[in-house]
């Protein structure tokens, strides 16, 4: 049985305070899952004055765009490389492959390039300047790293786009339900956690083809690519908008004022994908709203040609 270090309530509250200085960041992403991760990766890369992006980790996923979790991870890895090429960013030492399977046995977590890198970056962090781990897919890589080296709990803050708002009738959301064991662990182990719910919060981050054509298309090679994958995602554009879910998580570390949050007790994730309440549990921070216009305005501004390589 893995024993996790336990932060006191005061330590957790201090660690969960919104960041006020430049953030050291690891980004964990199932980049090929749909089209929103690409926007978040680009947003992070175009914010070097605020974020020190230490590495990008490919997360597993399994749906119609992959043959297996391992295939989803590899496709995500290749998509990250594609984005970096278009931004003329060197990928060596920046991009790492993650888990090839979900966590079936918490006593035998999979070691990967991503877990090794996360543990390394976490352990060199000062406790008063923690490593932020921004996860925008299944939480497998992060949970595996915690199981392999529980001491990183004292060195990191996890920002995860996963699950729905706690008042939602269920929390059967893609990122969360992909790996139920990893998801349960993140809420149970006591790691400092900022949860960005999908339904109820991130679902406000919608945009449309006309807006993308006006402010993203034509902004360099990367702008054209983002516009292309956005428009190709849905055949009929009439009356259509698309949620760019993953921008919520990167937005929090770029400017936490754009994401309204509050402290609450960590919920219990049930096998039925619902939330259960226990007020004796440790504290986490949960988002409750997002300033949609400010997030997109920042992305559009940074995508202007004068900000690109």
C-alpha atoms as a PDB file:
ATOM      1  CA  UNK A   1       0.000   0.000   0.000  1.00  0.00           C
ATOM      2  CA  UNK A   2       1.426   3.357  -1.063  1.00  0.00           C
ATOM      3  CA  UNK A   3       1.791   5.907   1.733  1.00  0.00           C
ATOM      4  CA  UNK A   4       1.358   9.510   0.632  1.00  0.00           C
ATOM      5  CA  UNK A   5       2.797  12.521   2.471  1.00  0.00           C
ATOM      6  CA  UNK A   6       0.023  14.590   4.033  1.00  0.00           C
ATOM      7  CA  UNK A   7       0.122  18.369   3.858  1.00  0.00           C
ATOM      8  CA  UNK A   8      -1.584  20.221   6.684  1.00  0.00           C
ATOM      9  CA  UNK A   9      -4.705  22.236   5.911  1.00  0.00           C
ATOM     10  CA  UNK A  10      -2.761  25.488   6.209  1.00  0.00           C
ATOM     11  CA  UNK A  11      -0.040  24.158   3.899  1.00  0.00           C
ATOM     12  CA  UNK A  12      -2.648  23.096   1.351  1.00  0.00           C
ATOM     13  CA  UNK A  13      -4.423  26.444   1.455  1.00  0.00           C
ATOM     14  CA  UNK A  14      -1.109  28.238   0.970  1.00  0.00           C
ATOM     15  CA  UNK A  15      -0.109  25.946  -1.915  1.00  0.00           C
ATOM     16  CA  UNK A  16      -3.515  26.326  -3.564  1.00  0.00           C
ATOM     17  CA  UNK A  17      -3.370  30.120  -3.612  1.00  0.00           C
ATOM     18  CA  UNK A  18      -3.373  31.405  -7.215  1.00  0.00           C
ATOM     19  CA  UNK A  19       0.164  31.936  -8.559  1.00  0.00           C
ATOM     20  CA  UNK A  20       1.523  35.476  -8.398  1.00  0.00           C
ATOM     21  CA  UNK A  21       4.859  35.004 -10.167  1.00  0.00           C
ATOM     22  CA  UNK A  22       6.300  33.222 -13.183  1.00  0.00           C
ATOM     23  CA  UNK A  23       5.259  29.585 -13.139  1.00  0.00           C
ATOM     24  CA  UNK A  24       7.440  26.565 -13.837  1.00  0.00           C
ATOM     25  CA  UNK A  25       5.184  24.304 -15.830  1.00  0.00           C
ATOM     26  CA  UNK A  26       4.833  20.775 -17.159  1.00  0.00           C
ATOM     27  CA  UNK A  27       1.989  20.338 -19.665  1.00  0.00           C
ATOM     28  CA  UNK A  28       0.372  16.890 -19.927  1.00  0.00           C
ATOM     29  CA  UNK A  29      -1.822  16.563 -23.014  1.00  0.00           C
ATOM     30  CA  UNK A  30      -3.737  14.065 -25.153  1.00  0.00           C
ATOM     31  CA  UNK A  31      -3.052  16.382 -28.063  1.00  0.00           C
ATOM     32  CA  UNK A  32      -4.569  14.300 -30.864  1.00  0.00           C
ATOM     33  CA  UNK A  33      -7.793  13.481 -29.000  1.00  0.00           C
ATOM     34  CA  UNK A  34      -9.657  16.319 -30.726  1.00  0.00           C
ATOM     35  CA  UNK A  35      -8.619  19.898 -31.583  1.00  0.00           C
ATOM     36  CA  UNK A  36      -8.621  21.883 -28.348  1.00  0.00           C
ATOM     37  CA  UNK A  37      -5.307  20.674 -26.913  1.00  0.00           C
ATOM     38  CA  UNK A  38      -3.504  22.266 -29.840  1.00  0.00           C
ATOM     39  CA  UNK A  39      -4.854  25.684 -28.876  1.00  0.00           C
ATOM     40  CA  UNK A  40      -3.751  25.209 -25.259  1.00  0.00           C
ATOM     41  CA  UNK A  41      -0.254  24.032 -26.221  1.00  0.00           C
ATOM     42  CA  UNK A  42       0.187  27.040 -28.504  1.00  0.00           C
ATOM     43  CA  UNK A  43      -1.176  29.406 -25.843  1.00  0.00           C
ATOM     44  CA  UNK A  44       1.381  28.112 -23.339  1.00  0.00           C
ATOM     45  CA  UNK A  45       4.256  28.314 -25.813  1.00  0.00           C
ATOM     46  CA  UNK A  46       3.349  31.905 -26.691  1.00  0.00           C
ATOM     47  CA  UNK A  47       3.428  32.972 -23.021  1.00  0.00           C
ATOM     48  CA  UNK A  48       7.152  32.697 -22.138  1.00  0.00           C
ATOM     49  CA  UNK A  49       7.072  35.886 -20.068  1.00  0.00           C
ATOM     50  CA  UNK A  50       4.619  34.215 -17.664  1.00  0.00           C
ATOM     51  CA  UNK A  51       5.321  30.494 -18.044  1.00  0.00           C
ATOM     52  CA  UNK A  52       8.576  28.568 -17.983  1.00  0.00           C
ATOM     53  CA  UNK A  53       7.504  25.482 -19.915  1.00  0.00           C
ATOM     54  CA  UNK A  54       9.838  22.715 -18.755  1.00  0.00           C
ATOM     55  CA  UNK A  55       8.313  19.893 -20.805  1.00  0.00           C
ATOM     56  CA  UNK A  56       5.264  18.633 -22.684  1.00  0.00           C
ATOM     57  CA  UNK A  57       4.070  15.085 -21.998  1.00  0.00           C
ATOM     58  CA  UNK A  58       1.904  12.978 -24.298  1.00  0.00           C
ATOM     59  CA  UNK A  59      -1.057  11.375 -22.521  1.00  0.00           C
ATOM     60  CA  UNK A  60      -2.947   8.223 -23.568  1.00  0.00           C
ATOM     61  CA  UNK A  61      -6.472   8.345 -24.938  1.00  0.00           C
ATOM     62  CA  UNK A  62      -8.809   5.872 -26.616  1.00  0.00           C
ATOM     63  CA  UNK A  63     -11.689   6.847 -28.874  1.00  0.00           C
ATOM     64  CA  UNK A  64     -12.518   6.906 -32.583  1.00  0.00           C
ATOM     65  CA  UNK A  65      -9.265   8.776 -33.281  1.00  0.00           C
ATOM     66  CA  UNK A  66      -7.042   6.027 -31.844  1.00  0.00           C
ATOM     67  CA  UNK A  67      -6.751   2.239 -31.865  1.00  0.00           C
ATOM     68  CA  UNK A  68      -5.748   1.971 -28.199  1.00  0.00           C
ATOM     69  CA  UNK A  69      -4.515   4.147 -25.320  1.00  0.00           C
ATOM     70  CA  UNK A  70      -0.954   3.506 -26.502  1.00  0.00           C
ATOM     71  CA  UNK A  71      -1.822   4.561 -30.049  1.00  0.00           C
ATOM     72  CA  UNK A  72      -3.551   7.667 -28.702  1.00  0.00           C
ATOM     73  CA  UNK A  73      -0.448   8.582 -26.706  1.00  0.00           C
ATOM     74  CA  UNK A  74       1.831   8.117 -29.728  1.00  0.00           C
ATOM     75  CA  UNK A  75      -0.464  10.147 -31.974  1.00  0.00           C
ATOM     76  CA  UNK A  76      -0.489  12.869 -29.340  1.00  0.00           C
ATOM     77  CA  UNK A  77       3.310  12.797 -29.206  1.00  0.00           C
ATOM     78  CA  UNK A  78       3.515  13.238 -32.976  1.00  0.00           C
ATOM     79  CA  UNK A  79       0.949  16.051 -32.890  1.00  0.00           C
ATOM     80  CA  UNK A  80       3.015  17.905 -30.283  1.00  0.00           C
ATOM     81  CA  UNK A  81       6.050  17.640 -32.575  1.00  0.00           C
ATOM     82  CA  UNK A  82       3.958  18.975 -35.466  1.00  0.00           C
ATOM     83  CA  UNK A  83       2.958  22.030 -33.437  1.00  0.00           C
ATOM     84  CA  UNK A  84       6.530  22.714 -32.354  1.00  0.00           C
ATOM     85  CA  UNK A  85       7.759  22.493 -35.939  1.00  0.00           C
ATOM     86  CA  UNK A  86       5.221  25.094 -37.039  1.00  0.00           C
ATOM     87  CA  UNK A  87       6.285  27.372 -34.184  1.00  0.00           C
ATOM     88  CA  UNK A  88       9.979  26.742 -34.920  1.00  0.00           C
ATOM     89  CA  UNK A  89      10.509  25.483 -31.377  1.00  0.00           C
ATOM     90  CA  UNK A  90      13.166  22.827 -30.747  1.00  0.00           C
ATOM     91  CA  UNK A  91      11.570  19.598 -29.507  1.00  0.00           C
ATOM     92  CA  UNK A  92      14.700  17.931 -28.104  1.00  0.00           C
ATOM     93  CA  UNK A  93      14.467  17.772 -24.328  1.00  0.00           C
ATOM     94  CA  UNK A  94      10.980  19.268 -24.375  1.00  0.00           C
ATOM     95  CA  UNK A  95       8.600  16.484 -25.492  1.00  0.00           C
ATOM     96  CA  UNK A  96       8.193  13.125 -23.735  1.00  0.00           C
ATOM     97  CA  UNK A  97       6.120  10.016 -24.351  1.00  0.00           C
ATOM     98  CA  UNK A  98       3.745   9.014 -21.574  1.00  0.00           C
ATOM     99  CA  UNK A  99       1.903   5.907 -20.421  1.00  0.00           C
ATOM    100  CA  UNK A 100       0.791   3.299 -22.938  1.00  0.00           C
ATOM    101  CA  UNK A 101      -2.068   2.028 -20.759  1.00  0.00           C
ATOM    102  CA  UNK A 102      -4.379   3.212 -18.012  1.00  0.00           C
ATOM    103  CA  UNK A 103      -3.672   2.346 -14.382  1.00  0.00           C
ATOM    104  CA  UNK A 104      -5.073  -1.092 -13.599  1.00  0.00           C
ATOM    105  CA  UNK A 105      -2.996  -1.750 -10.485  1.00  0.00           C
ATOM    106  CA  UNK A 106      -1.874   1.111  -8.257  1.00  0.00           C
ATOM    107  CA  UNK A 107       0.831  -1.148  -6.833  1.00  0.00           C
ATOM    108  CA  UNK A 108       2.429  -1.482 -10.268  1.00  0.00           C
ATOM    109  CA  UNK A 109       2.286   1.885 -12.080  1.00  0.00           C
ATOM    110  CA  UNK A 110       3.844   2.183 -15.523  1.00  0.00           C
ATOM    111  CA  UNK A 111       7.131   4.031 -15.700  1.00  0.00           C
ATOM    112  CA  UNK A 112       7.565   6.234 -18.770  1.00  0.00           C
ATOM    113  CA  UNK A 113       9.603   9.122 -20.126  1.00  0.00           C
ATOM    114  CA  UNK A 114       6.857  11.414 -18.843  1.00  0.00           C
ATOM    115  CA  UNK A 115       6.873  10.050 -15.288  1.00  0.00           C
ATOM    116  CA  UNK A 116      10.671  10.234 -15.137  1.00  0.00           C
ATOM    117  CA  UNK A 117      10.688  13.845 -16.340  1.00  0.00           C
ATOM    118  CA  UNK A 118       7.852  14.895 -14.045  1.00  0.00           C
ATOM    119  CA  UNK A 119       9.537  13.383 -11.002  1.00  0.00           C
ATOM    120  CA  UNK A 120      12.866  14.989 -11.931  1.00  0.00           C
ATOM    121  CA  UNK A 121      11.362  18.465 -12.391  1.00  0.00           C
ATOM    122  CA  UNK A 122       9.265  18.143  -9.249  1.00  0.00           C
ATOM    123  CA  UNK A 123      12.117  17.089  -7.000  1.00  0.00           C
ATOM    124  CA  UNK A 124      14.289  20.078  -7.933  1.00  0.00           C
ATOM    125  CA  UNK A 125      11.445  22.467  -7.049  1.00  0.00           C
ATOM    126  CA  UNK A 126      11.448  24.546  -3.885  1.00  0.00           C
ATOM    127  CA  UNK A 127       8.412  24.034  -1.682  1.00  0.00           C
ATOM    128  CA  UNK A 128       7.672  27.764  -1.877  1.00  0.00           C
ATOM    129  CA  UNK A 129       7.955  27.677  -5.682  1.00  0.00           C
ATOM    130  CA  UNK A 130       6.208  24.446  -6.707  1.00  0.00           C
ATOM    131  CA  UNK A 131       6.112  22.912 -10.160  1.00  0.00           C
ATOM    132  CA  UNK A 132       2.712  23.356 -11.791  1.00  0.00           C
ATOM    133  CA  UNK A 133       1.503  20.257 -13.607  1.00  0.00           C
ATOM    134  CA  UNK A 134      -1.216  21.265 -16.049  1.00  0.00           C
ATOM    135  CA  UNK A 135      -3.096  18.189 -17.265  1.00  0.00           C
ATOM    136  CA  UNK A 136      -5.647  18.445 -20.069  1.00  0.00           C
ATOM    137  CA  UNK A 137      -6.328  14.769 -20.730  1.00  0.00           C
ATOM    138  CA  UNK A 138      -6.571  11.570 -18.740  1.00  0.00           C
ATOM    139  CA  UNK A 139      -4.594  12.041 -15.515  1.00  0.00           C
ATOM    140  CA  UNK A 140      -2.693   8.756 -15.998  1.00  0.00           C
ATOM    141  CA  UNK A 141       0.842  10.130 -16.325  1.00  0.00           C
ATOM    142  CA  UNK A 142       0.487  12.358 -13.274  1.00  0.00           C
ATOM    143  CA  UNK A 143      -1.050   9.648 -11.098  1.00  0.00           C
ATOM    144  CA  UNK A 144       1.641   7.175 -12.157  1.00  0.00           C
ATOM    145  CA  UNK A 145       4.380   9.651 -11.219  1.00  0.00           C
ATOM    146  CA  UNK A 146       2.803  10.162  -7.781  1.00  0.00           C
ATOM    147  CA  UNK A 147       2.636   6.404  -7.238  1.00  0.00           C
ATOM    148  CA  UNK A 148       6.261   5.983  -8.325  1.00  0.00           C
ATOM    149  CA  UNK A 149       7.495   8.853  -6.129  1.00  0.00           C
ATOM    150  CA  UNK A 150       4.898  10.027  -3.583  1.00  0.00           C
ATOM    151  CA  UNK A 151       7.273  12.730  -2.315  1.00  0.00           C
ATOM    152  CA  UNK A 152       6.410  14.886  -5.327  1.00  0.00           C
ATOM    153  CA  UNK A 153       3.089  15.673  -3.614  1.00  0.00           C
ATOM    154  CA  UNK A 154       5.069  18.163  -1.510  1.00  0.00           C
ATOM    155  CA  UNK A 155       6.611  19.748  -4.612  1.00  0.00           C
ATOM    156  CA  UNK A 156       3.806  20.178  -7.157  1.00  0.00           C
ATOM    157  CA  UNK A 157       0.431  21.751  -7.828  1.00  0.00           C
ATOM    158  CA  UNK A 158      -1.815  19.890 -10.261  1.00  0.00           C
ATOM    159  CA  UNK A 159      -4.178  21.879 -12.477  1.00  0.00           C
ATOM    160  CA  UNK A 160      -6.533  19.392 -14.126  1.00  0.00           C
ATOM    161  CA  UNK A 161      -9.304  19.838 -16.638  1.00  0.00           C
ATOM    162  CA  UNK A 162     -11.335  16.834 -15.554  1.00  0.00           C
ATOM    163  CA  UNK A 163     -14.810  15.904 -14.393  1.00  0.00           C
ATOM    164  CA  UNK A 164     -17.857  18.145 -14.166  1.00  0.00           C
ATOM    165  CA  UNK A 165     -18.947  20.734 -11.623  1.00  0.00           C
ATOM    166  CA  UNK A 166     -19.711  19.207  -8.225  1.00  0.00           C
ATOM    167  CA  UNK A 167     -23.395  20.137  -8.489  1.00  0.00           C
ATOM    168  CA  UNK A 168     -23.711  18.263 -11.804  1.00  0.00           C
ATOM    169  CA  UNK A 169     -25.873  15.096 -11.719  1.00  0.00           C
ATOM    170  CA  UNK A 170     -22.911  13.012 -12.900  1.00  0.00           C
ATOM    171  CA  UNK A 171     -19.243  13.420 -13.692  1.00  0.00           C
ATOM    172  CA  UNK A 172     -18.969  11.004 -16.606  1.00  0.00           C
ATOM    173  CA  UNK A 173     -16.567  13.237 -18.500  1.00  0.00           C
ATOM    174  CA  UNK A 174     -14.014  11.997 -21.055  1.00  0.00           C
ATOM    175  CA  UNK A 175     -10.774  12.923 -19.277  1.00  0.00           C
ATOM    176  CA  UNK A 176     -12.006  11.591 -15.943  1.00  0.00           C
ATOM    177  CA  UNK A 177     -13.663   8.371 -17.094  1.00  0.00           C
ATOM    178  CA  UNK A 178     -10.761   7.284 -19.318  1.00  0.00           C
ATOM    179  CA  UNK A 179      -8.778   6.196 -16.267  1.00  0.00           C
ATOM    180  CA  UNK A 180     -11.020   5.859 -13.221  1.00  0.00           C
ATOM    181  CA  UNK A 181      -8.211   4.589 -10.967  1.00  0.00           C
ATOM    182  CA  UNK A 182      -5.967   7.535 -11.798  1.00  0.00           C
ATOM    183  CA  UNK A 183      -8.855   9.965 -11.376  1.00  0.00           C
ATOM    184  CA  UNK A 184      -9.765   8.577  -7.957  1.00  0.00           C
ATOM    185  CA  UNK A 185      -6.151   8.765  -6.848  1.00  0.00           C
ATOM    186  CA  UNK A 186      -5.828  12.446  -7.750  1.00  0.00           C
ATOM    187  CA  UNK A 187      -8.806  13.327  -5.551  1.00  0.00           C
ATOM    188  CA  UNK A 188      -7.774  10.958  -2.736  1.00  0.00           C
ATOM    189  CA  UNK A 189      -3.993  11.266  -2.362  1.00  0.00           C
ATOM    190  CA  UNK A 190      -3.844  14.827  -1.016  1.00  0.00           C
ATOM    191  CA  UNK A 191      -1.836  16.411  -3.834  1.00  0.00           C
ATOM    192  CA  UNK A 192      -2.542  20.152  -4.139  1.00  0.00           C
ATOM    193  CA  UNK A 193      -5.208  20.177  -6.859  1.00  0.00           C
ATOM    194  CA  UNK A 194      -6.959  22.865  -8.851  1.00  0.00           C
ATOM    195  CA  UNK A 195      -9.847  21.208 -10.666  1.00  0.00           C
ATOM    196  CA  UNK A 196     -11.294  22.871 -13.764  1.00  0.00           C
ATOM    197  CA  UNK A 197     -14.711  21.271 -14.323  1.00  0.00           C
ATOM    198  CA  UNK A 198     -15.787  20.720 -17.919  1.00  0.00           C
ATOM    199  CA  UNK A 199     -19.582  21.033 -17.719  1.00  0.00           C
ATOM    200  CA  UNK A 200     -20.351  24.189 -15.778  1.00  0.00           C
ATOM    201  CA  UNK A 201     -17.046  26.006 -16.374  1.00  0.00           C
ATOM    202  CA  UNK A 202     -14.843  25.136 -19.359  1.00  0.00           C
ATOM    203  CA  UNK A 203     -17.874  24.668 -21.616  1.00  0.00           C
ATOM    204  CA  UNK A 204     -18.162  28.469 -21.791  1.00  0.00           C
ATOM    205  CA  UNK A 205     -14.995  28.656 -23.919  1.00  0.00           C
ATOM    206  CA  UNK A 206     -16.750  28.493 -27.279  1.00  0.00           C
ATOM    207  CA  UNK A 207     -15.688  30.017 -30.571  1.00  0.00           C
ATOM    208  CA  UNK A 208     -16.948  29.956 -34.153  1.00  0.00           C
ATOM    209  CA  UNK A 209     -15.631  29.680 -37.698  1.00  0.00           C
ATOM    210  CA  UNK A 210     -16.083  33.422 -38.420  1.00  0.00           C
ATOM    211  CA  UNK A 211     -14.148  34.333 -35.263  1.00  0.00           C
ATOM    212  CA  UNK A 212     -11.385  31.836 -36.049  1.00  0.00           C
ATOM    213  CA  UNK A 213     -11.123  33.105 -39.630  1.00  0.00           C
ATOM    214  CA  UNK A 214     -10.942  36.708 -38.429  1.00  0.00           C
ATOM    215  CA  UNK A 215      -8.429  36.369 -35.597  1.00  0.00           C
ATOM    216  CA  UNK A 216      -6.504  33.099 -36.054  1.00  0.00           C
ATOM    217  CA  UNK A 217      -6.363  32.208 -39.741  1.00  0.00           C
ATOM    218  CA  UNK A 218      -3.513  34.011 -41.480  1.00  0.00           C
ATOM    219  CA  UNK A 219      -1.493  34.426 -38.297  1.00  0.00           C
ATOM    220  CA  UNK A 220       1.513  32.486 -39.501  1.00  0.00           C
ATOM    221  CA  UNK A 221       1.802  28.785 -40.210  1.00  0.00           C
ATOM    222  CA  UNK A 222       0.466  27.858 -36.785  1.00  0.00           C
ATOM    223  CA  UNK A 223      -2.567  30.131 -37.138  1.00  0.00           C
ATOM    224  CA  UNK A 224      -3.454  28.546 -40.455  1.00  0.00           C
ATOM    225  CA  UNK A 225      -3.079  25.077 -38.955  1.00  0.00           C
ATOM    226  CA  UNK A 226      -5.316  25.854 -35.976  1.00  0.00           C
ATOM    227  CA  UNK A 227      -7.937  27.319 -38.307  1.00  0.00           C
ATOM    228  CA  UNK A 228      -7.746  24.289 -40.590  1.00  0.00           C
ATOM    229  CA  UNK A 229      -8.251  21.682 -37.870  1.00  0.00           C
ATOM    230  CA  UNK A 230     -11.017  23.771 -36.311  1.00  0.00           C
ATOM    231  CA  UNK A 231     -12.984  24.049 -39.556  1.00  0.00           C
ATOM    232  CA  UNK A 232     -12.397  20.410 -40.485  1.00  0.00           C
ATOM    233  CA  UNK A 233     -13.732  19.176 -37.143  1.00  0.00           C
ATOM    234  CA  UNK A 234     -17.360  19.731 -38.175  1.00  0.00           C
ATOM    235  CA  UNK A 235     -18.770  19.683 -41.705  1.00  0.00           C
ATOM    236  CA  UNK A 236     -21.763  21.998 -41.234  1.00  0.00           C
ATOM    237  CA  UNK A 237     -20.663  25.390 -39.903  1.00  0.00           C
ATOM    238  CA  UNK A 238     -24.133  26.957 -39.954  1.00  0.00           C
ATOM    239  CA  UNK A 239     -25.014  28.001 -36.405  1.00  0.00           C
ATOM    240  CA  UNK A 240     -22.084  25.925 -35.133  1.00  0.00           C
ATOM    241  CA  UNK A 241     -19.677  26.712 -32.322  1.00  0.00           C
ATOM    242  CA  UNK A 242     -16.996  24.578 -30.697  1.00  0.00           C
ATOM    243  CA  UNK A 243     -15.780  24.481 -27.104  1.00  0.00           C
ATOM    244  CA  UNK A 244     -12.007  24.857 -26.794  1.00  0.00           C
ATOM    245  CA  UNK A 245     -12.022  23.120 -23.424  1.00  0.00           C
ATOM    246  CA  UNK A 246      -8.304  22.929 -22.747  1.00  0.00           C
ATOM    247  CA  UNK A 247      -7.675  26.666 -22.889  1.00  0.00           C
ATOM    248  CA  UNK A 248      -9.228  26.827 -19.415  1.00  0.00           C
ATOM    249  CA  UNK A 249      -6.308  25.050 -17.765  1.00  0.00           C
ATOM    250  CA  UNK A 250      -3.529  27.016 -19.453  1.00  0.00           C
ATOM    251  CA  UNK A 251      -5.517  30.217 -18.865  1.00  0.00           C
ATOM    252  CA  UNK A 252      -5.452  29.594 -15.105  1.00  0.00           C
ATOM    253  CA  UNK A 253      -1.651  29.603 -14.930  1.00  0.00           C
ATOM    254  CA  UNK A 254      -1.323  32.485 -17.401  1.00  0.00           C
ATOM    255  CA  UNK A 255      -3.735  34.701 -15.462  1.00  0.00           C
ATOM    256  CA  UNK A 256      -5.704  33.169 -12.578  1.00  0.00           C
ATOM    257  CA  UNK A 257      -7.938  36.253 -12.498  1.00  0.00           C
ATOM    258  CA  UNK A 258      -9.653  34.898 -15.615  1.00  0.00           C
ATOM    259  CA  UNK A 259     -10.838  31.813 -13.690  1.00  0.00           C
ATOM    260  CA  UNK A 260     -13.016  32.304 -10.626  1.00  0.00           C
ATOM    261  CA  UNK A 261     -12.262  29.595  -8.039  1.00  0.00           C
ATOM    262  CA  UNK A 262     -13.067  28.592  -4.486  1.00  0.00           C
ATOM    263  CA  UNK A 263     -11.730  26.201  -1.863  1.00  0.00           C
ATOM    264  CA  UNK A 264     -13.743  23.112  -1.017  1.00  0.00           C
ATOM    265  CA  UNK A 265     -13.261  19.638   0.392  1.00  0.00           C
ATOM    266  CA  UNK A 266     -12.036  17.086  -2.126  1.00  0.00           C
ATOM    267  CA  UNK A 267     -15.038  15.089  -3.332  1.00  0.00           C
ATOM    268  CA  UNK A 268     -15.192  11.311  -3.443  1.00  0.00           C
ATOM    269  CA  UNK A 269     -15.388   9.950  -6.984  1.00  0.00           C
ATOM    270  CA  UNK A 270     -17.721   6.949  -7.034  1.00  0.00           C
ATOM    271  CA  UNK A 271     -17.650   3.956  -9.368  1.00  0.00           C
ATOM    272  CA  UNK A 272     -20.887   5.295 -10.859  1.00  0.00           C
ATOM    273  CA  UNK A 273     -19.116   8.502 -11.965  1.00  0.00           C
ATOM    274  CA  UNK A 274     -20.863  10.724  -9.451  1.00  0.00           C
ATOM    275  CA  UNK A 275     -19.543  12.963  -6.696  1.00  0.00           C
ATOM    276  CA  UNK A 276     -19.994  12.176  -3.010  1.00  0.00           C
ATOM    277  CA  UNK A 277     -19.314  14.711  -0.255  1.00  0.00           C
ATOM    278  CA  UNK A 278     -17.195  14.208   2.861  1.00  0.00           C
ATOM    279  CA  UNK A 279     -16.311  17.406   4.712  1.00  0.00           C
ATOM    280  CA  UNK A 280     -13.568  15.670   6.689  1.00  0.00           C
ATOM    281  CA  UNK A 281     -11.420  15.345   3.565  1.00  0.00           C
ATOM    282  CA  UNK A 282      -8.559  17.607   2.496  1.00  0.00           C
ATOM    283  CA  UNK A 283      -9.047  20.862   0.594  1.00  0.00           C
ATOM    284  CA  UNK A 284      -8.786  21.444  -3.144  1.00  0.00           C
ATOM    285  CA  UNK A 285      -9.475  24.515  -5.284  1.00  0.00           C
ATOM    286  CA  UNK A 286     -12.279  24.273  -7.854  1.00  0.00           C
ATOM    287  CA  UNK A 287     -13.073  26.629 -10.723  1.00  0.00           C
ATOM    288  CA  UNK A 288     -16.617  27.959 -10.917  1.00  0.00           C
ATOM    289  CA  UNK A 289     -16.524  30.342 -13.901  1.00  0.00           C
ATOM    290  CA  UNK A 290     -14.243  31.506 -16.707  1.00  0.00           C
ATOM    291  CA  UNK A 291     -13.926  34.892 -18.412  1.00  0.00           C
ATOM    292  CA  UNK A 292     -14.321  33.584 -21.932  1.00  0.00           C
ATOM    293  CA  UNK A 293     -13.610  36.859 -23.744  1.00  0.00           C
ATOM    294  CA  UNK A 294     -10.408  37.603 -21.813  1.00  0.00           C
ATOM    295  CA  UNK A 295      -8.998  34.134 -22.523  1.00  0.00           C
ATOM    296  CA  UNK A 296      -9.647  34.317 -26.252  1.00  0.00           C
ATOM    297  CA  UNK A 297      -8.479  37.935 -26.476  1.00  0.00           C
ATOM    298  CA  UNK A 298      -5.156  36.925 -24.963  1.00  0.00           C
ATOM    299  CA  UNK A 299      -4.759  34.008 -27.376  1.00  0.00           C
ATOM    300  CA  UNK A 300      -5.656  36.153 -30.399  1.00  0.00           C
ATOM    301  CA  UNK A 301      -3.213  38.857 -29.341  1.00  0.00           C
ATOM    302  CA  UNK A 302      -0.363  36.396 -28.912  1.00  0.00           C
ATOM    303  CA  UNK A 303      -1.082  34.779 -32.270  1.00  0.00           C
ATOM    304  CA  UNK A 304      -0.451  38.027 -34.126  1.00  0.00           C
ATOM    305  CA  UNK A 305       2.438  37.699 -36.513  1.00  0.00           C
ATOM    306  CA  UNK A 306       4.696  39.970 -34.470  1.00  0.00           C
ATOM    307  CA  UNK A 307       4.595  37.427 -31.606  1.00  0.00           C
ATOM    308  CA  UNK A 308       5.466  34.424 -33.790  1.00  0.00           C
ATOM    309  CA  UNK A 309       8.974  33.212 -34.728  1.00  0.00           C
END
